[in-house]
């Protein structure tokens, strides 16, 4: 009996020792994970994580996005707008007619972009510059939004029976673009805008035209996203409407292919923000597309080759 009692005592002591050891090991594991978590938080606090690809192009549809391009990069863009869908089958629902704009954007730095474009609408030339003042980030630098400024100058060269001077053909636009990437799939942008037109149609029209744009992007797959933009004018020219556009962005390697529907014919800030005449309710809708091809002219330290 004593023999069995001794064996039972040994088994009990061994089991108790194992339980204590397991509790100690468990406590050590918890402490280890806690230490690792502290180190990770400490590391996050010492680094800055910047949001990227808030939009996948320098344009939402017609208007600018907050995105610039990398230093020494060149973005060649061709934009087409076909005729109104309501023009009927005789014009193949607008496909028989087309307007076009070609542009070149150059990355002076990762934050500064300069560009030039030429449109068939009013044979308009435009030059512009974009600078990204703020970048959305978390970590050491916690910035909730990205902020980009855009200034543009436009001159239409279409011949006219009236003797219109070069100065009177000039227009200018000034924009602040405020955007936030809420998740990997959803981005939103606000665009307060001032367009100044040197020569307006009527003496009663304002030369300074104010508007507020809103744009968005919803990613539906790895390479496809739905986009949209709307510009509300506060003191529009007579007979003009607000620009409204919807599109689909398709990323294919070095290309970004944008398909969209819009009531705006022109593609410069003056043309589509202040000179849109199409009415969505009447079917005055253009089908169109933008094709963008990015070229890396020279690699530099810290440069990026994507948005």
C-alpha atoms as a PDB file:
ATOM      1  CA  UNK A   1       0.000   0.000   0.000  1.00  0.00           C
ATOM      2  CA  UNK A   2       2.809   2.346   0.928  1.00  0.00           C
ATOM      3  CA  UNK A   3       4.441   1.480  -2.371  1.00  0.00           C
ATOM      4  CA  UNK A   4       1.356   2.502  -4.363  1.00  0.00           C
ATOM      5  CA  UNK A   5       1.016   5.652  -2.282  1.00  0.00           C
ATOM      6  CA  UNK A   6       4.618   6.637  -3.086  1.00  0.00           C
ATOM      7  CA  UNK A   7       4.077   6.105  -6.822  1.00  0.00           C
ATOM      8  CA  UNK A   8       0.887   8.229  -6.701  1.00  0.00           C
ATOM      9  CA  UNK A   9       2.768  10.984  -4.869  1.00  0.00           C
ATOM     10  CA  UNK A  10       5.510  11.023  -7.503  1.00  0.00           C
ATOM     11  CA  UNK A  11       2.950  11.215 -10.353  1.00  0.00           C
ATOM     12  CA  UNK A  12       1.109  14.069  -8.601  1.00  0.00           C
ATOM     13  CA  UNK A  13       4.325  16.049  -8.046  1.00  0.00           C
ATOM     14  CA  UNK A  14       5.394  15.518 -11.675  1.00  0.00           C
ATOM     15  CA  UNK A  15       2.002  16.689 -12.978  1.00  0.00           C
ATOM     16  CA  UNK A  16       2.080  19.765 -10.744  1.00  0.00           C
ATOM     17  CA  UNK A  17       5.607  20.583 -11.917  1.00  0.00           C
ATOM     18  CA  UNK A  18       4.553  20.317 -15.576  1.00  0.00           C
ATOM     19  CA  UNK A  19       1.535  22.576 -14.969  1.00  0.00           C
ATOM     20  CA  UNK A  20       3.695  25.191 -13.289  1.00  0.00           C
ATOM     21  CA  UNK A  21       6.271  24.954 -16.074  1.00  0.00           C
ATOM     22  CA  UNK A  22       3.508  25.338 -18.707  1.00  0.00           C
ATOM     23  CA  UNK A  23       2.158  28.414 -16.914  1.00  0.00           C
ATOM     24  CA  UNK A  24       5.652  29.916 -16.764  1.00  0.00           C
ATOM     25  CA  UNK A  25       6.248  29.182 -20.461  1.00  0.00           C
ATOM     26  CA  UNK A  26       2.852  30.665 -21.305  1.00  0.00           C
ATOM     27  CA  UNK A  27       3.658  33.805 -19.307  1.00  0.00           C
ATOM     28  CA  UNK A  28       7.010  34.091 -21.093  1.00  0.00           C
ATOM     29  CA  UNK A  29       5.284  33.736 -24.477  1.00  0.00           C
ATOM     30  CA  UNK A  30       2.775  36.464 -23.581  1.00  0.00           C
ATOM     31  CA  UNK A  31       5.625  38.702 -22.446  1.00  0.00           C
ATOM     32  CA  UNK A  32       7.511  37.966 -25.657  1.00  0.00           C
ATOM     33  CA  UNK A  33       4.527  38.890 -27.852  1.00  0.00           C
ATOM     34  CA  UNK A  34       3.968  42.027 -25.771  1.00  0.00           C
ATOM     35  CA  UNK A  35       7.602  43.018 -26.280  1.00  0.00           C
ATOM     36  CA  UNK A  36       7.344  42.388 -30.021  1.00  0.00           C
ATOM     37  CA  UNK A  37       4.160  44.486 -30.170  1.00  0.00           C
ATOM     38  CA  UNK A  38       5.884  47.312 -28.322  1.00  0.00           C
ATOM     39  CA  UNK A  39       8.842  47.152 -30.711  1.00  0.00           C
ATOM     40  CA  UNK A  40       6.488  47.217 -33.730  1.00  0.00           C
ATOM     41  CA  UNK A  41       4.623  50.251 -32.370  1.00  0.00           C
ATOM     42  CA  UNK A  42       7.942  51.927 -31.595  1.00  0.00           C
ATOM     43  CA  UNK A  43       9.128  51.220 -35.144  1.00  0.00           C
ATOM     44  CA  UNK A  44       5.853  52.576 -36.611  1.00  0.00           C
ATOM     45  CA  UNK A  45       6.255  55.753 -34.578  1.00  0.00           C
ATOM     46  CA  UNK A  46       9.716  56.322 -36.051  1.00  0.00           C
ATOM     47  CA  UNK A  47       8.745  55.787 -39.700  1.00  0.00           C
ATOM     48  CA  UNK A  48       6.278  57.486 -42.047  1.00  0.00           C
ATOM     49  CA  UNK A  49       3.959  55.456 -44.273  1.00  0.00           C
ATOM     50  CA  UNK A  50       2.698  57.504 -47.244  1.00  0.00           C
ATOM     51  CA  UNK A  51      -0.544  56.731 -49.088  1.00  0.00           C
ATOM     52  CA  UNK A  52       0.052  55.813 -52.726  1.00  0.00           C
ATOM     53  CA  UNK A  53      -2.186  55.525 -55.785  1.00  0.00           C
ATOM     54  CA  UNK A  54      -5.018  57.592 -54.330  1.00  0.00           C
ATOM     55  CA  UNK A  55      -5.901  57.872 -58.020  1.00  0.00           C
ATOM     56  CA  UNK A  56      -4.257  55.814 -60.756  1.00  0.00           C
ATOM     57  CA  UNK A  57      -3.845  58.746 -63.129  1.00  0.00           C
ATOM     58  CA  UNK A  58      -3.095  62.456 -63.064  1.00  0.00           C
ATOM     59  CA  UNK A  59      -6.721  62.968 -64.214  1.00  0.00           C
ATOM     60  CA  UNK A  60      -9.921  61.780 -62.559  1.00  0.00           C
ATOM     61  CA  UNK A  61     -11.856  62.028 -65.845  1.00  0.00           C
ATOM     62  CA  UNK A  62     -11.533  65.512 -67.364  1.00  0.00           C
ATOM     63  CA  UNK A  63     -10.143  67.265 -64.305  1.00  0.00           C
ATOM     64  CA  UNK A  64      -6.859  66.946 -62.473  1.00  0.00           C
ATOM     65  CA  UNK A  65      -6.343  64.485 -59.650  1.00  0.00           C
ATOM     66  CA  UNK A  66      -3.893  65.088 -56.800  1.00  0.00           C
ATOM     67  CA  UNK A  67      -1.390  62.757 -58.447  1.00  0.00           C
ATOM     68  CA  UNK A  68       1.894  63.911 -59.940  1.00  0.00           C
ATOM     69  CA  UNK A  69       4.480  61.705 -61.659  1.00  0.00           C
ATOM     70  CA  UNK A  70       8.011  60.741 -60.694  1.00  0.00           C
ATOM     71  CA  UNK A  71      11.062  62.889 -61.340  1.00  0.00           C
ATOM     72  CA  UNK A  72      12.308  62.634 -64.957  1.00  0.00           C
ATOM     73  CA  UNK A  73       9.131  60.780 -65.979  1.00  0.00           C
ATOM     74  CA  UNK A  74       7.112  61.773 -69.046  1.00  0.00           C
ATOM     75  CA  UNK A  75       3.384  61.084 -69.357  1.00  0.00           C
ATOM     76  CA  UNK A  76       2.009  61.172 -72.919  1.00  0.00           C
ATOM     77  CA  UNK A  77      -1.778  61.347 -73.023  1.00  0.00           C
ATOM     78  CA  UNK A  78      -4.328  61.187 -75.852  1.00  0.00           C
ATOM     79  CA  UNK A  79      -7.956  62.064 -75.036  1.00  0.00           C
ATOM     80  CA  UNK A  80     -10.936  61.546 -77.363  1.00  0.00           C
ATOM     81  CA  UNK A  81     -14.540  62.692 -77.031  1.00  0.00           C
ATOM     82  CA  UNK A  82     -17.033  61.437 -79.587  1.00  0.00           C
ATOM     83  CA  UNK A  83     -20.281  63.195 -80.511  1.00  0.00           C
ATOM     84  CA  UNK A  84     -23.495  63.124 -78.481  1.00  0.00           C
ATOM     85  CA  UNK A  85     -25.130  59.729 -78.039  1.00  0.00           C
ATOM     86  CA  UNK A  86     -28.483  61.315 -78.925  1.00  0.00           C
ATOM     87  CA  UNK A  87     -27.229  62.287 -82.408  1.00  0.00           C
ATOM     88  CA  UNK A  88     -28.793  59.040 -83.653  1.00  0.00           C
ATOM     89  CA  UNK A  89     -27.828  56.047 -85.768  1.00  0.00           C
ATOM     90  CA  UNK A  90     -26.950  58.201 -88.800  1.00  0.00           C
ATOM     91  CA  UNK A  91     -23.936  59.493 -86.857  1.00  0.00           C
ATOM     92  CA  UNK A  92     -23.422  56.064 -85.251  1.00  0.00           C
ATOM     93  CA  UNK A  93     -24.554  57.574 -81.939  1.00  0.00           C
ATOM     94  CA  UNK A  94     -21.727  60.093 -81.990  1.00  0.00           C
ATOM     95  CA  UNK A  95     -18.887  57.859 -83.143  1.00  0.00           C
ATOM     96  CA  UNK A  96     -18.755  59.629 -86.538  1.00  0.00           C
ATOM     97  CA  UNK A  97     -17.688  62.812 -84.781  1.00  0.00           C
ATOM     98  CA  UNK A  98     -14.724  63.271 -82.476  1.00  0.00           C
ATOM     99  CA  UNK A  99     -12.688  65.909 -80.720  1.00  0.00           C
ATOM    100  CA  UNK A 100      -9.215  65.286 -79.362  1.00  0.00           C
ATOM    101  CA  UNK A 101      -6.596  66.593 -76.970  1.00  0.00           C
ATOM    102  CA  UNK A 102      -2.940  65.566 -76.769  1.00  0.00           C
ATOM    103  CA  UNK A 103      -0.704  66.435 -73.828  1.00  0.00           C
ATOM    104  CA  UNK A 104       2.731  65.890 -72.333  1.00  0.00           C
ATOM    105  CA  UNK A 105       3.357  65.972 -68.567  1.00  0.00           C
ATOM    106  CA  UNK A 106       6.897  66.044 -67.191  1.00  0.00           C
ATOM    107  CA  UNK A 107       8.017  65.315 -63.636  1.00  0.00           C
ATOM    108  CA  UNK A 108      10.421  68.062 -62.570  1.00  0.00           C
ATOM    109  CA  UNK A 109      10.491  66.385 -59.155  1.00  0.00           C
ATOM    110  CA  UNK A 110       8.373  63.796 -57.353  1.00  0.00           C
ATOM    111  CA  UNK A 111       6.123  66.648 -56.226  1.00  0.00           C
ATOM    112  CA  UNK A 112       6.242  69.079 -59.186  1.00  0.00           C
ATOM    113  CA  UNK A 113       4.724  68.405 -62.604  1.00  0.00           C
ATOM    114  CA  UNK A 114       4.553  70.720 -65.628  1.00  0.00           C
ATOM    115  CA  UNK A 115       2.503  70.041 -68.737  1.00  0.00           C
ATOM    116  CA  UNK A 116       1.335  71.322 -72.100  1.00  0.00           C
ATOM    117  CA  UNK A 117      -1.655  70.328 -74.216  1.00  0.00           C
ATOM    118  CA  UNK A 118      -3.408  71.045 -77.501  1.00  0.00           C
ATOM    119  CA  UNK A 119      -7.137  70.573 -78.122  1.00  0.00           C
ATOM    120  CA  UNK A 120      -9.133  70.522 -81.334  1.00  0.00           C
ATOM    121  CA  UNK A 121     -11.995  72.300 -79.525  1.00  0.00           C
ATOM    122  CA  UNK A 122     -11.379  76.011 -80.219  1.00  0.00           C
ATOM    123  CA  UNK A 123      -7.831  74.949 -81.223  1.00  0.00           C
ATOM    124  CA  UNK A 124      -6.879  75.684 -77.631  1.00  0.00           C
ATOM    125  CA  UNK A 125      -3.374  75.525 -76.171  1.00  0.00           C
ATOM    126  CA  UNK A 126      -2.920  75.043 -72.433  1.00  0.00           C
ATOM    127  CA  UNK A 127       0.046  74.956 -70.070  1.00  0.00           C
ATOM    128  CA  UNK A 128      -0.106  74.060 -66.396  1.00  0.00           C
ATOM    129  CA  UNK A 129       1.867  73.210 -63.291  1.00  0.00           C
ATOM    130  CA  UNK A 130       0.953  70.973 -60.336  1.00  0.00           C
ATOM    131  CA  UNK A 131       2.675  70.836 -56.973  1.00  0.00           C
ATOM    132  CA  UNK A 132       1.882  68.376 -54.193  1.00  0.00           C
ATOM    133  CA  UNK A 133       2.105  70.349 -50.941  1.00  0.00           C
ATOM    134  CA  UNK A 134       0.950  67.590 -48.574  1.00  0.00           C
ATOM    135  CA  UNK A 135       0.943  63.795 -48.741  1.00  0.00           C
ATOM    136  CA  UNK A 136      -1.449  61.650 -46.733  1.00  0.00           C
ATOM    137  CA  UNK A 137       0.556  59.604 -44.249  1.00  0.00           C
ATOM    138  CA  UNK A 138       0.597  57.769 -40.924  1.00  0.00           C
ATOM    139  CA  UNK A 139       3.347  57.040 -38.405  1.00  0.00           C
ATOM    140  CA  UNK A 140       5.953  59.638 -37.519  1.00  0.00           C
ATOM    141  CA  UNK A 141       4.149  62.175 -39.734  1.00  0.00           C
ATOM    142  CA  UNK A 142       0.385  61.839 -39.399  1.00  0.00           C
ATOM    143  CA  UNK A 143      -1.293  63.739 -42.260  1.00  0.00           C
ATOM    144  CA  UNK A 144      -4.986  62.909 -42.921  1.00  0.00           C
ATOM    145  CA  UNK A 145      -5.151  64.333 -46.473  1.00  0.00           C
ATOM    146  CA  UNK A 146      -3.126  64.993 -49.604  1.00  0.00           C
ATOM    147  CA  UNK A 147      -3.106  68.551 -50.994  1.00  0.00           C
ATOM    148  CA  UNK A 148      -2.076  69.565 -54.518  1.00  0.00           C
ATOM    149  CA  UNK A 149      -2.203  72.993 -56.161  1.00  0.00           C
ATOM    150  CA  UNK A 150      -2.768  73.492 -59.906  1.00  0.00           C
ATOM    151  CA  UNK A 151      -2.377  76.634 -62.012  1.00  0.00           C
ATOM    152  CA  UNK A 152      -3.227  76.687 -65.726  1.00  0.00           C
ATOM    153  CA  UNK A 153      -3.147  79.165 -68.591  1.00  0.00           C
ATOM    154  CA  UNK A 154      -5.170  78.648 -71.792  1.00  0.00           C
ATOM    155  CA  UNK A 155      -5.330  80.403 -75.155  1.00  0.00           C
ATOM    156  CA  UNK A 156      -7.755  79.546 -77.938  1.00  0.00           C
ATOM    157  CA  UNK A 157      -6.414  80.097 -81.469  1.00  0.00           C
ATOM    158  CA  UNK A 158      -9.581  79.448 -83.495  1.00  0.00           C
ATOM    159  CA  UNK A 159      -9.904  82.067 -86.255  1.00  0.00           C
ATOM    160  CA  UNK A 160     -12.702  84.573 -85.833  1.00  0.00           C
ATOM    161  CA  UNK A 161     -14.248  87.329 -87.913  1.00  0.00           C
ATOM    162  CA  UNK A 162     -13.863  89.561 -84.860  1.00  0.00           C
ATOM    163  CA  UNK A 163     -10.465  91.064 -84.196  1.00  0.00           C
ATOM    164  CA  UNK A 164      -9.777  89.425 -80.828  1.00  0.00           C
ATOM    165  CA  UNK A 165      -6.378  90.130 -79.346  1.00  0.00           C
ATOM    166  CA  UNK A 166      -4.063  87.479 -77.914  1.00  0.00           C
ATOM    167  CA  UNK A 167      -4.672  88.817 -74.392  1.00  0.00           C
ATOM    168  CA  UNK A 168      -8.447  88.621 -74.742  1.00  0.00           C
ATOM    169  CA  UNK A 169      -8.136  84.986 -75.814  1.00  0.00           C
ATOM    170  CA  UNK A 170      -6.436  84.075 -72.537  1.00  0.00           C
ATOM    171  CA  UNK A 171      -8.016  82.266 -69.597  1.00  0.00           C
ATOM    172  CA  UNK A 172      -6.543  81.088 -66.311  1.00  0.00           C
ATOM    173  CA  UNK A 173      -7.540  78.579 -63.669  1.00  0.00           C
ATOM    174  CA  UNK A 174      -6.473  78.058 -60.065  1.00  0.00           C
ATOM    175  CA  UNK A 175      -7.304  74.909 -58.119  1.00  0.00           C
ATOM    176  CA  UNK A 176      -6.685  73.318 -54.744  1.00  0.00           C
ATOM    177  CA  UNK A 177      -7.142  69.554 -54.761  1.00  0.00           C
ATOM    178  CA  UNK A 178      -7.833  67.934 -51.370  1.00  0.00           C
ATOM    179  CA  UNK A 179      -8.004  64.149 -51.344  1.00  0.00           C
ATOM    180  CA  UNK A 180      -8.122  61.273 -48.903  1.00  0.00           C
ATOM    181  CA  UNK A 181      -7.629  57.586 -49.525  1.00  0.00           C
ATOM    182  CA  UNK A 182     -10.064  56.030 -47.060  1.00  0.00           C
ATOM    183  CA  UNK A 183      -9.048  52.459 -47.871  1.00  0.00           C
ATOM    184  CA  UNK A 184      -7.283  50.475 -50.580  1.00  0.00           C
ATOM    185  CA  UNK A 185     -10.498  50.663 -52.600  1.00  0.00           C
ATOM    186  CA  UNK A 186     -12.058  54.089 -51.922  1.00  0.00           C
ATOM    187  CA  UNK A 187     -10.686  57.610 -52.549  1.00  0.00           C
ATOM    188  CA  UNK A 188     -12.423  61.007 -52.514  1.00  0.00           C
ATOM    189  CA  UNK A 189     -11.294  64.433 -53.730  1.00  0.00           C
ATOM    190  CA  UNK A 190     -12.616  68.010 -53.443  1.00  0.00           C
ATOM    191  CA  UNK A 191     -11.618  70.687 -55.995  1.00  0.00           C
ATOM    192  CA  UNK A 192     -12.367  74.352 -55.168  1.00  0.00           C
ATOM    193  CA  UNK A 193     -11.697  76.191 -58.440  1.00  0.00           C
ATOM    194  CA  UNK A 194     -11.431  79.713 -59.839  1.00  0.00           C
ATOM    195  CA  UNK A 195     -11.454  80.208 -63.617  1.00  0.00           C
ATOM    196  CA  UNK A 196     -10.673  83.710 -64.885  1.00  0.00           C
ATOM    197  CA  UNK A 197     -11.709  84.514 -68.481  1.00  0.00           C
ATOM    198  CA  UNK A 198     -10.292  87.741 -69.910  1.00  0.00           C
ATOM    199  CA  UNK A 199     -13.091  88.193 -72.467  1.00  0.00           C
ATOM    200  CA  UNK A 200     -16.531  86.918 -71.456  1.00  0.00           C
ATOM    201  CA  UNK A 201     -19.479  86.695 -73.902  1.00  0.00           C
ATOM    202  CA  UNK A 202     -21.560  89.441 -72.241  1.00  0.00           C
ATOM    203  CA  UNK A 203     -20.625  92.527 -70.276  1.00  0.00           C
ATOM    204  CA  UNK A 204     -22.968  91.323 -67.522  1.00  0.00           C
ATOM    205  CA  UNK A 205     -20.977  88.097 -67.087  1.00  0.00           C
ATOM    206  CA  UNK A 206     -18.360  87.780 -64.380  1.00  0.00           C
ATOM    207  CA  UNK A 207     -14.750  87.351 -65.446  1.00  0.00           C
ATOM    208  CA  UNK A 208     -14.074  85.314 -62.304  1.00  0.00           C
ATOM    209  CA  UNK A 209     -16.077  82.079 -62.238  1.00  0.00           C
ATOM    210  CA  UNK A 210     -16.135  80.002 -59.042  1.00  0.00           C
ATOM    211  CA  UNK A 211     -16.918  76.314 -58.760  1.00  0.00           C
ATOM    212  CA  UNK A 212     -16.495  73.353 -56.444  1.00  0.00           C
ATOM    213  CA  UNK A 213     -15.702  69.950 -57.851  1.00  0.00           C
ATOM    214  CA  UNK A 214     -15.968  66.533 -56.235  1.00  0.00           C
ATOM    215  CA  UNK A 215     -14.341  63.393 -57.582  1.00  0.00           C
ATOM    216  CA  UNK A 216     -14.053  59.811 -56.464  1.00  0.00           C
ATOM    217  CA  UNK A 217     -12.565  56.424 -57.220  1.00  0.00           C
ATOM    218  CA  UNK A 218     -13.821  52.987 -56.194  1.00  0.00           C
ATOM    219  CA  UNK A 219     -11.551  50.060 -56.973  1.00  0.00           C
ATOM    220  CA  UNK A 220     -13.456  46.917 -57.985  1.00  0.00           C
ATOM    221  CA  UNK A 221     -10.505  44.676 -58.867  1.00  0.00           C
ATOM    222  CA  UNK A 222      -6.717  44.742 -58.904  1.00  0.00           C
ATOM    223  CA  UNK A 223      -6.593  46.688 -62.190  1.00  0.00           C
ATOM    224  CA  UNK A 224     -10.093  48.162 -62.617  1.00  0.00           C
ATOM    225  CA  UNK A 225     -11.733  51.105 -60.852  1.00  0.00           C
ATOM    226  CA  UNK A 226     -14.917  53.186 -61.234  1.00  0.00           C
ATOM    227  CA  UNK A 227     -14.401  56.972 -61.266  1.00  0.00           C
ATOM    228  CA  UNK A 228     -16.632  60.026 -61.288  1.00  0.00           C
ATOM    229  CA  UNK A 229     -16.452  63.808 -61.030  1.00  0.00           C
ATOM    230  CA  UNK A 230     -18.873  66.733 -60.833  1.00  0.00           C
ATOM    231  CA  UNK A 231     -18.238  70.493 -60.913  1.00  0.00           C
ATOM    232  CA  UNK A 232     -20.868  72.784 -59.446  1.00  0.00           C
ATOM    233  CA  UNK A 233     -20.633  76.367 -60.730  1.00  0.00           C
ATOM    234  CA  UNK A 234     -21.706  79.163 -58.415  1.00  0.00           C
ATOM    235  CA  UNK A 235     -21.869  81.924 -61.061  1.00  0.00           C
ATOM    236  CA  UNK A 236     -22.011  80.169 -64.425  1.00  0.00           C
ATOM    237  CA  UNK A 237     -22.102  81.833 -67.842  1.00  0.00           C
ATOM    238  CA  UNK A 238     -25.499  82.091 -69.547  1.00  0.00           C
ATOM    239  CA  UNK A 239     -26.611  78.854 -71.190  1.00  0.00           C
ATOM    240  CA  UNK A 240     -23.944  76.696 -69.540  1.00  0.00           C
ATOM    241  CA  UNK A 241     -24.454  73.555 -67.455  1.00  0.00           C
ATOM    242  CA  UNK A 242     -22.434  71.763 -64.783  1.00  0.00           C
ATOM    243  CA  UNK A 243     -19.932  69.137 -65.887  1.00  0.00           C
ATOM    244  CA  UNK A 244     -20.744  65.568 -64.819  1.00  0.00           C
ATOM    245  CA  UNK A 245     -18.648  62.545 -65.821  1.00  0.00           C
ATOM    246  CA  UNK A 246     -18.369  58.851 -65.001  1.00  0.00           C
ATOM    247  CA  UNK A 247     -15.631  56.481 -66.070  1.00  0.00           C
ATOM    248  CA  UNK A 248     -13.778  53.200 -65.769  1.00  0.00           C
ATOM    249  CA  UNK A 249     -10.005  53.074 -65.266  1.00  0.00           C
ATOM    250  CA  UNK A 250      -8.170  50.020 -66.589  1.00  0.00           C
ATOM    251  CA  UNK A 251      -4.493  49.629 -65.729  1.00  0.00           C
ATOM    252  CA  UNK A 252      -2.451  47.587 -68.216  1.00  0.00           C
ATOM    253  CA  UNK A 253       1.216  47.746 -67.300  1.00  0.00           C
ATOM    254  CA  UNK A 254       2.639  51.106 -68.367  1.00  0.00           C
ATOM    255  CA  UNK A 255      -0.745  52.213 -69.738  1.00  0.00           C
ATOM    256  CA  UNK A 256      -3.790  53.585 -67.933  1.00  0.00           C
ATOM    257  CA  UNK A 257      -6.852  53.263 -70.176  1.00  0.00           C
ATOM    258  CA  UNK A 258      -9.845  55.392 -69.121  1.00  0.00           C
ATOM    259  CA  UNK A 259     -13.315  54.916 -70.626  1.00  0.00           C
ATOM    260  CA  UNK A 260     -15.997  57.424 -69.686  1.00  0.00           C
ATOM    261  CA  UNK A 261     -19.259  59.230 -70.337  1.00  0.00           C
ATOM    262  CA  UNK A 262     -19.462  63.001 -69.945  1.00  0.00           C
ATOM    263  CA  UNK A 263     -21.620  65.960 -70.951  1.00  0.00           C
ATOM    264  CA  UNK A 264     -18.495  68.084 -71.565  1.00  0.00           C
ATOM    265  CA  UNK A 265     -17.040  68.495 -75.050  1.00  0.00           C
ATOM    266  CA  UNK A 266     -13.879  70.436 -74.184  1.00  0.00           C
ATOM    267  CA  UNK A 267     -11.022  69.061 -72.119  1.00  0.00           C
ATOM    268  CA  UNK A 268      -9.230  72.125 -70.731  1.00  0.00           C
ATOM    269  CA  UNK A 269     -10.247  73.716 -67.415  1.00  0.00           C
ATOM    270  CA  UNK A 270     -11.948  76.634 -69.162  1.00  0.00           C
ATOM    271  CA  UNK A 271     -13.714  74.398 -71.664  1.00  0.00           C
ATOM    272  CA  UNK A 272     -15.195  71.710 -69.459  1.00  0.00           C
ATOM    273  CA  UNK A 273     -15.690  73.580 -66.160  1.00  0.00           C
ATOM    274  CA  UNK A 274     -17.218  76.813 -67.506  1.00  0.00           C
ATOM    275  CA  UNK A 275     -18.234  76.016 -71.123  1.00  0.00           C
ATOM    276  CA  UNK A 276     -20.178  72.758 -70.853  1.00  0.00           C
ATOM    277  CA  UNK A 277     -23.525  72.900 -72.688  1.00  0.00           C
ATOM    278  CA  UNK A 278     -24.576  69.236 -72.631  1.00  0.00           C
ATOM    279  CA  UNK A 279     -27.608  68.105 -70.611  1.00  0.00           C
ATOM    280  CA  UNK A 280     -27.584  64.547 -69.277  1.00  0.00           C
ATOM    281  CA  UNK A 281     -31.387  64.558 -69.079  1.00  0.00           C
ATOM    282  CA  UNK A 282     -31.612  65.195 -72.842  1.00  0.00           C
ATOM    283  CA  UNK A 283     -28.997  62.605 -73.781  1.00  0.00           C
ATOM    284  CA  UNK A 284     -26.250  65.156 -74.502  1.00  0.00           C
ATOM    285  CA  UNK A 285     -23.623  62.636 -73.455  1.00  0.00           C
ATOM    286  CA  UNK A 286     -20.232  61.989 -75.023  1.00  0.00           C
ATOM    287  CA  UNK A 287     -18.557  58.613 -74.938  1.00  0.00           C
ATOM    288  CA  UNK A 288     -14.799  59.047 -74.738  1.00  0.00           C
ATOM    289  CA  UNK A 289     -11.494  57.726 -73.546  1.00  0.00           C
ATOM    290  CA  UNK A 290      -8.065  58.752 -72.278  1.00  0.00           C
ATOM    291  CA  UNK A 291      -4.912  56.756 -72.983  1.00  0.00           C
ATOM    292  CA  UNK A 292      -1.863  57.479 -70.836  1.00  0.00           C
ATOM    293  CA  UNK A 293       1.643  56.089 -71.426  1.00  0.00           C
ATOM    294  CA  UNK A 294       4.359  56.744 -68.875  1.00  0.00           C
ATOM    295  CA  UNK A 295       8.025  56.886 -69.910  1.00  0.00           C
ATOM    296  CA  UNK A 296      11.001  56.896 -67.527  1.00  0.00           C
ATOM    297  CA  UNK A 297      13.517  59.194 -69.212  1.00  0.00           C
ATOM    298  CA  UNK A 298      16.113  58.974 -66.473  1.00  0.00           C
ATOM    299  CA  UNK A 299      16.331  57.101 -63.196  1.00  0.00           C
ATOM    300  CA  UNK A 300      17.207  59.084 -60.094  1.00  0.00           C
ATOM    301  CA  UNK A 301      17.560  58.308 -56.399  1.00  0.00           C
ATOM    302  CA  UNK A 302      14.186  58.377 -54.682  1.00  0.00           C
ATOM    303  CA  UNK A 303      12.221  58.759 -57.909  1.00  0.00           C
ATOM    304  CA  UNK A 304       9.119  56.724 -58.614  1.00  0.00           C
ATOM    305  CA  UNK A 305       7.750  55.482 -61.919  1.00  0.00           C
ATOM    306  CA  UNK A 306       4.104  55.217 -60.900  1.00  0.00           C
ATOM    307  CA  UNK A 307       1.400  57.348 -59.274  1.00  0.00           C
END
